[in-house]
Amino acid sequence: MKILITGKNSYIGMSFEKWLNQWPDVYQVDTICLINNNWENRDFSQYDVVFHVAGIVHQKEKPEMENLYFSVNRDLAVEVAKKSQKVRC
């Protein structure tokens, strides 16, 4: 099974990848960073699973970070989901 983890350096992504690496004959794991827009050119069709864990935590509490918080945690998640769904239909 081919799995793509978004959020290359996230705690959850790295932990999940490490756990899956126990079974290298079952799972092939790739990770990508979503900090820039290069991910938009990535072909998601080769993956059975896209596990989206990119996000910003503990920033909503700071008023000056609210826009970035929602841009990453809501808008980016929707964009990744749409791209993932598009290749499945």
PDB file of N, CA and C in Angstrom:
ATOM      1  N   MET A   1       0.838  -1.166   0.000  1.00  0.00           N
ATOM      2  CA  MET A   1       0.000   0.000   0.000  1.00  0.00           C
ATOM      3  C   MET A   1       0.890   1.238   0.000  1.00  0.00           C
ATOM      4  N   LYS A   2       0.572   2.174  -0.881  1.00  0.00           N
ATOM      5  CA  LYS A   2       1.339   3.420  -0.972  1.00  0.00           C
ATOM      6  C   LYS A   2       0.612   4.514  -0.207  1.00  0.00           C
ATOM      7  N   ILE A   3       1.338   5.145   0.716  1.00  0.00           N
ATOM      8  CA  ILE A   3       0.760   6.174   1.577  1.00  0.00           C
ATOM      9  C   ILE A   3       1.567   7.454   1.429  1.00  0.00           C
ATOM     10  N   LEU A   4       0.852   8.564   1.261  1.00  0.00           N
ATOM     11  CA  LEU A   4       1.478   9.877   1.221  1.00  0.00           C
ATOM     12  C   LEU A   4       1.079  10.619   2.494  1.00  0.00           C
ATOM     13  N   ILE A   5       2.070  11.063   3.242  1.00  0.00           N
ATOM     14  CA  ILE A   5       1.821  11.848   4.449  1.00  0.00           C
ATOM     15  C   ILE A   5       2.152  13.299   4.143  1.00  0.00           C
ATOM     16  N   THR A   6       1.172  14.178   4.324  1.00  0.00           N
ATOM     17  CA  THR A   6       1.415  15.607   4.179  1.00  0.00           C
ATOM     18  C   THR A   6       1.758  16.145   5.558  1.00  0.00           C
ATOM     19  N   GLY A   7       2.725  17.008   5.617  1.00  0.00           N
ATOM     20  CA  GLY A   7       3.213  17.478   6.914  1.00  0.00           C
ATOM     21  C   GLY A   7       4.477  16.724   7.264  1.00  0.00           C
ATOM     22  N   LYS A   8       5.462  16.830   6.405  1.00  0.00           N
ATOM     23  CA  LYS A   8       6.680  16.029   6.468  1.00  0.00           C
ATOM     24  C   LYS A   8       7.365  16.041   7.830  1.00  0.00           C
ATOM     25  N   ASN A   9       7.396  17.172   8.487  1.00  0.00           N
ATOM     26  CA  ASN A   9       8.091  17.269   9.769  1.00  0.00           C
ATOM     27  C   ASN A   9       7.155  17.361  10.963  1.00  0.00           C
ATOM     28  N   SER A  10       5.894  16.995  10.757  1.00  0.00           N
ATOM     29  CA  SER A  10       4.942  17.044  11.866  1.00  0.00           C
ATOM     30  C   SER A  10       5.182  15.872  12.820  1.00  0.00           C
ATOM     31  N   TYR A  11       4.885  16.075  14.061  1.00  0.00           N
ATOM     32  CA  TYR A  11       5.056  15.019  15.058  1.00  0.00           C
ATOM     33  C   TYR A  11       4.214  13.795  14.703  1.00  0.00           C
ATOM     34  N   ILE A  12       2.964  14.023  14.357  1.00  0.00           N
ATOM     35  CA  ILE A  12       2.073  12.904  14.035  1.00  0.00           C
ATOM     36  C   ILE A  12       2.544  12.201  12.769  1.00  0.00           C
ATOM     37  N   GLY A  13       2.907  12.974  11.748  1.00  0.00           N
ATOM     38  CA  GLY A  13       3.367  12.374  10.494  1.00  0.00           C
ATOM     39  C   GLY A  13       4.615  11.539  10.670  1.00  0.00           C
ATOM     40  N   MET A  14       5.591  12.077  11.393  1.00  0.00           N
ATOM     41  CA  MET A  14       6.841  11.337  11.609  1.00  0.00           C
ATOM     42  C   MET A  14       6.602  10.089  12.464  1.00  0.00           C
ATOM     43  N   SER A  15       5.743  10.207  13.463  1.00  0.00           N
ATOM     44  CA  SER A  15       5.445   9.057  14.327  1.00  0.00           C
ATOM     45  C   SER A  15       4.727   7.963  13.545  1.00  0.00           C
ATOM     46  N   PHE A  16       3.783   8.367  12.702  1.00  0.00           N
ATOM     47  CA  PHE A  16       3.037   7.400  11.897  1.00  0.00           C
ATOM     48  C   PHE A  16       3.955   6.712  10.896  1.00  0.00           C
ATOM     49  N   GLU A  17       4.819   7.492  10.257  1.00  0.00           N
ATOM     50  CA  GLU A  17       5.772   6.915   9.308  1.00  0.00           C
ATOM     51  C   GLU A  17       6.695   5.914  10.004  1.00  0.00           C
ATOM     52  N   LYS A  18       7.204   6.269  11.156  1.00  0.00           N
ATOM     53  CA  LYS A  18       8.082   5.374  11.910  1.00  0.00           C
ATOM     54  C   LYS A  18       7.356   4.073  12.252  1.00  0.00           C
ATOM     55  N   TRP A  19       6.104   4.190  12.667  1.00  0.00           N
ATOM     56  CA  TRP A  19       5.322   3.009  13.025  1.00  0.00           C
ATOM     57  C   TRP A  19       5.098   2.119  11.805  1.00  0.00           C
ATOM     58  N   LEU A  20       4.745   2.729  10.671  1.00  0.00           N
ATOM     59  CA  LEU A  20       4.517   1.940   9.448  1.00  0.00           C
ATOM     60  C   LEU A  20       5.788   1.288   8.927  1.00  0.00           C
ATOM     61  N   ASN A  21       6.926   1.886   9.198  1.00  0.00           N
ATOM     62  CA  ASN A  21       8.198   1.331   8.719  1.00  0.00           C
ATOM     63  C   ASN A  21       8.525  -0.024   9.342  1.00  0.00           C
ATOM     64  N   GLN A  22       7.747  -0.458  10.300  1.00  0.00           N
ATOM     65  CA  GLN A  22       7.908  -1.807  10.858  1.00  0.00           C
ATOM     66  C   GLN A  22       7.551  -2.869   9.822  1.00  0.00           C
ATOM     67  N   TRP A  23       6.751  -2.477   8.834  1.00  0.00           N
ATOM     68  CA  TRP A  23       6.276  -3.399   7.805  1.00  0.00           C
ATOM     69  C   TRP A  23       6.627  -2.879   6.418  1.00  0.00           C
ATOM     70  N   PRO A  24       7.914  -2.848   6.082  1.00  0.00           N
ATOM     71  CA  PRO A  24       8.322  -2.279   4.790  1.00  0.00           C
ATOM     72  C   PRO A  24       7.826  -3.069   3.587  1.00  0.00           C
ATOM     73  N   ASP A  25       7.489  -4.337   3.804  1.00  0.00           N
ATOM     74  CA  ASP A  25       6.973  -5.142   2.699  1.00  0.00           C
ATOM     75  C   ASP A  25       5.482  -4.893   2.455  1.00  0.00           C
ATOM     76  N   VAL A  26       4.829  -4.190   3.373  1.00  0.00           N
ATOM     77  CA  VAL A  26       3.392  -3.918   3.246  1.00  0.00           C
ATOM     78  C   VAL A  26       3.137  -2.456   2.864  1.00  0.00           C
ATOM     79  N   TYR A  27       3.903  -1.531   3.450  1.00  0.00           N
ATOM     80  CA  TYR A  27       3.655  -0.108   3.270  1.00  0.00           C
ATOM     81  C   TYR A  27       4.853   0.605   2.651  1.00  0.00           C
ATOM     82  N   GLN A  28       4.560   1.403   1.650  1.00  0.00           N
ATOM     83  CA  GLN A  28       5.552   2.327   1.098  1.00  0.00           C
ATOM     84  C   GLN A  28       5.070   3.723   1.477  1.00  0.00           C
ATOM     85  N   VAL A  29       5.883   4.453   2.207  1.00  0.00           N
ATOM     86  CA  VAL A  29       5.476   5.753   2.728  1.00  0.00           C
ATOM     87  C   VAL A  29       6.332   6.858   2.125  1.00  0.00           C
ATOM     88  N   ASP A  30       5.660   7.879   1.619  1.00  0.00           N
ATOM     89  CA  ASP A  30       6.315   9.099   1.170  1.00  0.00           C
ATOM     90  C   ASP A  30       5.767  10.247   2.005  1.00  0.00           C
ATOM     91  N   THR A  31       6.584  11.267   2.205  1.00  0.00           N
ATOM     92  CA  THR A  31       6.131  12.453   2.925  1.00  0.00           C
ATOM     93  C   THR A  31       6.425  13.687   2.084  1.00  0.00           C
ATOM     94  N   ILE A  32       5.565  14.695   2.236  1.00  0.00           N
ATOM     95  CA  ILE A  32       5.802  15.959   1.552  1.00  0.00           C
ATOM     96  C   ILE A  32       5.527  17.110   2.503  1.00  0.00           C
ATOM     97  N   CYS A  33       6.208  18.183   2.238  1.00  0.00           N
ATOM     98  CA  CYS A  33       6.033  19.427   2.979  1.00  0.00           C
ATOM     99  C   CYS A  33       5.069  20.299   2.182  1.00  0.00           C
ATOM    100  N   LEU A  34       4.182  20.983   2.872  1.00  0.00           N
ATOM    101  CA  LEU A  34       3.216  21.838   2.191  1.00  0.00           C
ATOM    102  C   LEU A  34       3.481  23.323   2.413  1.00  0.00           C
ATOM    103  N   ILE A  35       4.677  23.660   2.890  1.00  0.00           N
ATOM    104  CA  ILE A  35       4.962  25.055   3.202  1.00  0.00           C
ATOM    105  C   ILE A  35       4.900  25.939   1.954  1.00  0.00           C
ATOM    106  N   ASN A  36       5.382  25.453   0.829  1.00  0.00           N
ATOM    107  CA  ASN A  36       5.249  26.218  -0.413  1.00  0.00           C
ATOM    108  C   ASN A  36       4.218  25.517  -1.299  1.00  0.00           C
ATOM    109  N   ASN A  37       4.015  26.022  -2.488  1.00  0.00           N
ATOM    110  CA  ASN A  37       2.984  25.462  -3.368  1.00  0.00           C
ATOM    111  C   ASN A  37       3.486  24.346  -4.285  1.00  0.00           C
ATOM    112  N   ASN A  38       4.700  23.865  -4.097  1.00  0.00           N
ATOM    113  CA  ASN A  38       5.231  22.794  -4.948  1.00  0.00           C
ATOM    114  C   ASN A  38       4.381  21.531  -4.881  1.00  0.00           C
ATOM    115  N   TRP A  39       3.733  21.299  -3.767  1.00  0.00           N
ATOM    116  CA  TRP A  39       2.908  20.098  -3.595  1.00  0.00           C
ATOM    117  C   TRP A  39       1.764  20.050  -4.607  1.00  0.00           C
ATOM    118  N   GLU A  40       1.327  21.210  -5.089  1.00  0.00           N
ATOM    119  CA  GLU A  40       0.201  21.240  -6.026  1.00  0.00           C
ATOM    120  C   GLU A  40       0.534  20.531  -7.332  1.00  0.00           C
ATOM    121  N   ASN A  41       1.821  20.437  -7.658  1.00  0.00           N
ATOM    122  CA  ASN A  41       2.253  19.751  -8.883  1.00  0.00           C
ATOM    123  C   ASN A  41       2.522  18.264  -8.664  1.00  0.00           C
ATOM    124  N   ARG A  42       2.400  17.819  -7.455  1.00  0.00           N
ATOM    125  CA  ARG A  42       2.658  16.415  -7.110  1.00  0.00           C
ATOM    126  C   ARG A  42       1.508  15.537  -7.594  1.00  0.00           C
ATOM    127  N   ASP A  43       1.836  14.375  -8.121  1.00  0.00           N
ATOM    128  CA  ASP A  43       0.837  13.422  -8.589  1.00  0.00           C
ATOM    129  C   ASP A  43       0.356  12.584  -7.405  1.00  0.00           C
ATOM    130  N   PHE A  44      -0.878  12.776  -7.002  1.00  0.00           N
ATOM    131  CA  PHE A  44      -1.452  12.014  -5.892  1.00  0.00           C
ATOM    132  C   PHE A  44      -2.052  10.684  -6.357  1.00  0.00           C
ATOM    133  N   SER A  45      -2.170  10.484  -7.665  1.00  0.00           N
ATOM    134  CA  SER A  45      -2.878   9.308  -8.164  1.00  0.00           C
ATOM    135  C   SER A  45      -2.161   7.998  -7.862  1.00  0.00           C
ATOM    136  N   GLN A  46      -0.871   8.050  -7.568  1.00  0.00           N
ATOM    137  CA  GLN A  46      -0.123   6.824  -7.285  1.00  0.00           C
ATOM    138  C   GLN A  46      -0.326   6.308  -5.861  1.00  0.00           C
ATOM    139  N   TYR A  47      -1.047   7.067  -5.032  1.00  0.00           N
ATOM    140  CA  TYR A  47      -1.191   6.710  -3.624  1.00  0.00           C
ATOM    141  C   TYR A  47      -2.560   6.111  -3.330  1.00  0.00           C
ATOM    142  N   ASP A  48      -2.548   5.116  -2.455  1.00  0.00           N
ATOM    143  CA  ASP A  48      -3.788   4.526  -1.970  1.00  0.00           C
ATOM    144  C   ASP A  48      -4.398   5.377  -0.863  1.00  0.00           C
ATOM    145  N   VAL A  49      -3.530   6.049  -0.124  1.00  0.00           N
ATOM    146  CA  VAL A  49      -3.960   6.856   1.027  1.00  0.00           C
ATOM    147  C   VAL A  49      -3.179   8.168   1.031  1.00  0.00           C
ATOM    148  N   VAL A  50      -3.885   9.265   1.290  1.00  0.00           N
ATOM    149  CA  VAL A  50      -3.249  10.547   1.568  1.00  0.00           C
ATOM    150  C   VAL A  50      -3.635  10.891   2.999  1.00  0.00           C
ATOM    151  N   PHE A  51      -2.648  10.911   3.866  1.00  0.00           N
ATOM    152  CA  PHE A  51      -2.851  11.168   5.299  1.00  0.00           C
ATOM    153  C   PHE A  51      -2.403  12.602   5.569  1.00  0.00           C
ATOM    154  N   HIS A  52      -3.373  13.495   5.722  1.00  0.00           N
ATOM    155  CA  HIS A  52      -3.073  14.921   5.861  1.00  0.00           C
ATOM    156  C   HIS A  52      -2.935  15.284   7.335  1.00  0.00           C
ATOM    157  N   VAL A  53      -1.720  15.634   7.730  1.00  0.00           N
ATOM    158  CA  VAL A  53      -1.476  16.009   9.127  1.00  0.00           C
ATOM    159  C   VAL A  53      -0.737  17.341   9.235  1.00  0.00           C
ATOM    160  N   ALA A  54      -0.593  18.043   8.118  1.00  0.00           N
ATOM    161  CA  ALA A  54       0.050  19.360   8.162  1.00  0.00           C
ATOM    162  C   ALA A  54      -0.872  20.321   8.891  1.00  0.00           C
ATOM    163  N   GLY A  55      -0.312  21.085   9.777  1.00  0.00           N
ATOM    164  CA  GLY A  55      -1.137  22.048  10.494  1.00  0.00           C
ATOM    165  C   GLY A  55      -0.325  22.918  11.426  1.00  0.00           C
ATOM    166  N   ILE A  56      -1.002  23.918  11.921  1.00  0.00           N
ATOM    167  CA  ILE A  56      -0.409  24.833  12.897  1.00  0.00           C
ATOM    168  C   ILE A  56      -1.193  24.675  14.191  1.00  0.00           C
ATOM    169  N   VAL A  57      -0.477  24.520  15.285  1.00  0.00           N
ATOM    170  CA  VAL A  57      -1.137  24.391  16.592  1.00  0.00           C
ATOM    171  C   VAL A  57      -0.742  25.546  17.490  1.00  0.00           C
ATOM    172  N   HIS A  58      -1.616  25.839  18.424  1.00  0.00           N
ATOM    173  CA  HIS A  58      -1.370  26.847  19.457  1.00  0.00           C
ATOM    174  C   HIS A  58      -1.134  28.245  18.910  1.00  0.00           C
ATOM    175  N   GLN A  59      -1.683  28.548  17.759  1.00  0.00           N
ATOM    176  CA  GLN A  59      -1.503  29.884  17.192  1.00  0.00           C
ATOM    177  C   GLN A  59      -2.796  30.686  17.197  1.00  0.00           C
ATOM    178  N   LYS A  60      -3.941  30.008  17.275  1.00  0.00           N
ATOM    179  CA  LYS A  60      -5.219  30.708  17.234  1.00  0.00           C
ATOM    180  C   LYS A  60      -5.355  31.663  18.422  1.00  0.00           C
ATOM    181  N   GLU A  61      -4.706  31.321  19.506  1.00  0.00           N
ATOM    182  CA  GLU A  61      -4.804  32.142  20.703  1.00  0.00           C
ATOM    183  C   GLU A  61      -4.172  33.514  20.515  1.00  0.00           C
ATOM    184  N   LYS A  62      -3.299  33.647  19.537  1.00  0.00           N
ATOM    185  CA  LYS A  62      -2.649  34.922  19.251  1.00  0.00           C
ATOM    186  C   LYS A  62      -3.439  35.622  18.141  1.00  0.00           C
ATOM    187  N   PRO A  63      -4.038  36.747  18.423  1.00  0.00           N
ATOM    188  CA  PRO A  63      -4.870  37.410  17.408  1.00  0.00           C
ATOM    189  C   PRO A  63      -4.151  37.671  16.088  1.00  0.00           C
ATOM    190  N   GLU A  64      -2.876  37.978  16.125  1.00  0.00           N
ATOM    191  CA  GLU A  64      -2.148  38.266  14.890  1.00  0.00           C
ATOM    192  C   GLU A  64      -1.895  37.013  14.052  1.00  0.00           C
ATOM    193  N   MET A  65      -2.099  35.838  14.603  1.00  0.00           N
ATOM    194  CA  MET A  65      -1.870  34.579  13.888  1.00  0.00           C
ATOM    195  C   MET A  65      -3.163  33.925  13.397  1.00  0.00           C
ATOM    196  N   GLU A  66      -4.293  34.521  13.715  1.00  0.00           N
ATOM    197  CA  GLU A  66      -5.579  33.887  13.410  1.00  0.00           C
ATOM    198  C   GLU A  66      -5.753  33.601  11.917  1.00  0.00           C
ATOM    199  N   ASN A  67      -5.414  34.548  11.047  1.00  0.00           N
ATOM    200  CA  ASN A  67      -5.574  34.324   9.600  1.00  0.00           C
ATOM    201  C   ASN A  67      -4.697  33.181   9.105  1.00  0.00           C
ATOM    202  N   LEU A  68      -3.446  33.137   9.532  1.00  0.00           N
ATOM    203  CA  LEU A  68      -2.552  32.049   9.143  1.00  0.00           C
ATOM    204  C   LEU A  68      -3.062  30.712   9.671  1.00  0.00           C
ATOM    205  N   TYR A  69      -3.528  30.703  10.908  1.00  0.00           N
ATOM    206  CA  TYR A  69      -4.055  29.496  11.533  1.00  0.00           C
ATOM    207  C   TYR A  69      -5.178  28.897  10.686  1.00  0.00           C
ATOM    208  N   PHE A  70      -6.145  29.719  10.299  1.00  0.00           N
ATOM    209  CA  PHE A  70      -7.270  29.212   9.508  1.00  0.00           C
ATOM    210  C   PHE A  70      -6.857  28.907   8.070  1.00  0.00           C
ATOM    211  N   SER A  71      -5.926  29.657   7.531  1.00  0.00           N
ATOM    212  CA  SER A  71      -5.445  29.389   6.183  1.00  0.00           C
ATOM    213  C   SER A  71      -4.812  28.003   6.088  1.00  0.00           C
ATOM    214  N   VAL A  72      -4.021  27.646   7.081  1.00  0.00           N
ATOM    215  CA  VAL A  72      -3.342  26.348   7.074  1.00  0.00           C
ATOM    216  C   VAL A  72      -4.277  25.231   7.545  1.00  0.00           C
ATOM    217  N   ASN A  73      -4.938  25.414   8.659  1.00  0.00           N
ATOM    218  CA  ASN A  73      -5.707  24.328   9.275  1.00  0.00           C
ATOM    219  C   ASN A  73      -7.067  24.084   8.639  1.00  0.00           C
ATOM    220  N   ARG A  74      -7.599  25.061   7.937  1.00  0.00           N
ATOM    221  CA  ARG A  74      -8.888  24.857   7.278  1.00  0.00           C
ATOM    222  C   ARG A  74      -8.712  24.845   5.766  1.00  0.00           C
ATOM    223  N   ASP A  75      -8.221  25.954   5.220  1.00  0.00           N
ATOM    224  CA  ASP A  75      -8.170  26.109   3.768  1.00  0.00           C
ATOM    225  C   ASP A  75      -7.218  25.115   3.093  1.00  0.00           C
ATOM    226  N   LEU A  76      -6.040  24.934   3.653  1.00  0.00           N
ATOM    227  CA  LEU A  76      -5.085  23.988   3.085  1.00  0.00           C
ATOM    228  C   LEU A  76      -5.616  22.552   3.169  1.00  0.00           C
ATOM    229  N   ALA A  77      -6.257  22.226   4.259  1.00  0.00           N
ATOM    230  CA  ALA A  77      -6.840  20.883   4.402  1.00  0.00           C
ATOM    231  C   ALA A  77      -7.890  20.626   3.326  1.00  0.00           C
ATOM    232  N   VAL A  78      -8.702  21.622   3.031  1.00  0.00           N
ATOM    233  CA  VAL A  78      -9.721  21.484   1.989  1.00  0.00           C
ATOM    234  C   VAL A  78      -9.054  21.310   0.625  1.00  0.00           C
ATOM    235  N   GLU A  79      -8.010  22.091   0.340  1.00  0.00           N
ATOM    236  CA  GLU A  79      -7.304  21.981  -0.940  1.00  0.00           C
ATOM    237  C   GLU A  79      -6.694  20.590  -1.133  1.00  0.00           C
ATOM    238  N   VAL A  80      -6.071  20.069  -0.087  1.00  0.00           N
ATOM    239  CA  VAL A  80      -5.463  18.736  -0.163  1.00  0.00           C
ATOM    240  C   VAL A  80      -6.557  17.674  -0.363  1.00  0.00           C
ATOM    241  N   ALA A  81      -7.659  17.817   0.341  1.00  0.00           N
ATOM    242  CA  ALA A  81      -8.762  16.854   0.202  1.00  0.00           C
ATOM    243  C   ALA A  81      -9.327  16.874  -1.208  1.00  0.00           C
ATOM    244  N   LYS A  82      -9.505  18.054  -1.769  1.00  0.00           N
ATOM    245  CA  LYS A  82     -10.028  18.152  -3.133  1.00  0.00           C
ATOM    246  C   LYS A  82      -9.072  17.521  -4.139  1.00  0.00           C
ATOM    247  N   LYS A  83      -7.778  17.773  -3.981  1.00  0.00           N
ATOM    248  CA  LYS A  83      -6.795  17.174  -4.895  1.00  0.00           C
ATOM    249  C   LYS A  83      -6.798  15.651  -4.754  1.00  0.00           C
ATOM    250  N   SER A  84      -6.890  15.168  -3.535  1.00  0.00           N
ATOM    251  CA  SER A  84      -6.918  13.719  -3.288  1.00  0.00           C
ATOM    252  C   SER A  84      -8.169  13.087  -3.872  1.00  0.00           C
ATOM    253  N   GLN A  85      -9.285  13.750  -3.704  1.00  0.00           N
ATOM    254  CA  GLN A  85     -10.552  13.226  -4.205  1.00  0.00           C
ATOM    255  C   GLN A  85     -10.592  13.242  -5.726  1.00  0.00           C
ATOM    256  N   LYS A  86     -10.020  14.259  -6.320  1.00  0.00           N
ATOM    257  CA  LYS A  86     -10.054  14.411  -7.775  1.00  0.00           C
ATOM    258  C   LYS A  86      -9.409  13.215  -8.466  1.00  0.00           C
ATOM    259  N   VAL A  87      -8.359  12.681  -7.909  1.00  0.00           N
ATOM    260  CA  VAL A  87      -7.679  11.553  -8.560  1.00  0.00           C
ATOM    261  C   VAL A  87      -8.401  10.242  -8.295  1.00  0.00           C
ATOM    262  N   ARG A  88      -9.315  10.210  -7.359  1.00  0.00           N
ATOM    263  CA  ARG A  88     -10.042   8.981  -7.031  1.00  0.00           C
ATOM    264  C   ARG A  88     -11.305   8.818  -7.857  1.00  0.00           C
ATOM    265  N   CYS A  89     -11.842   9.913  -8.375  1.00  0.00           N
ATOM    266  CA  CYS A  89     -13.128   9.864  -9.087  1.00  0.00           C
ATOM    267  C   CYS A  89     -12.965   9.503 -10.542  1.00  0.00           C
TER     268      CYS A  89
END
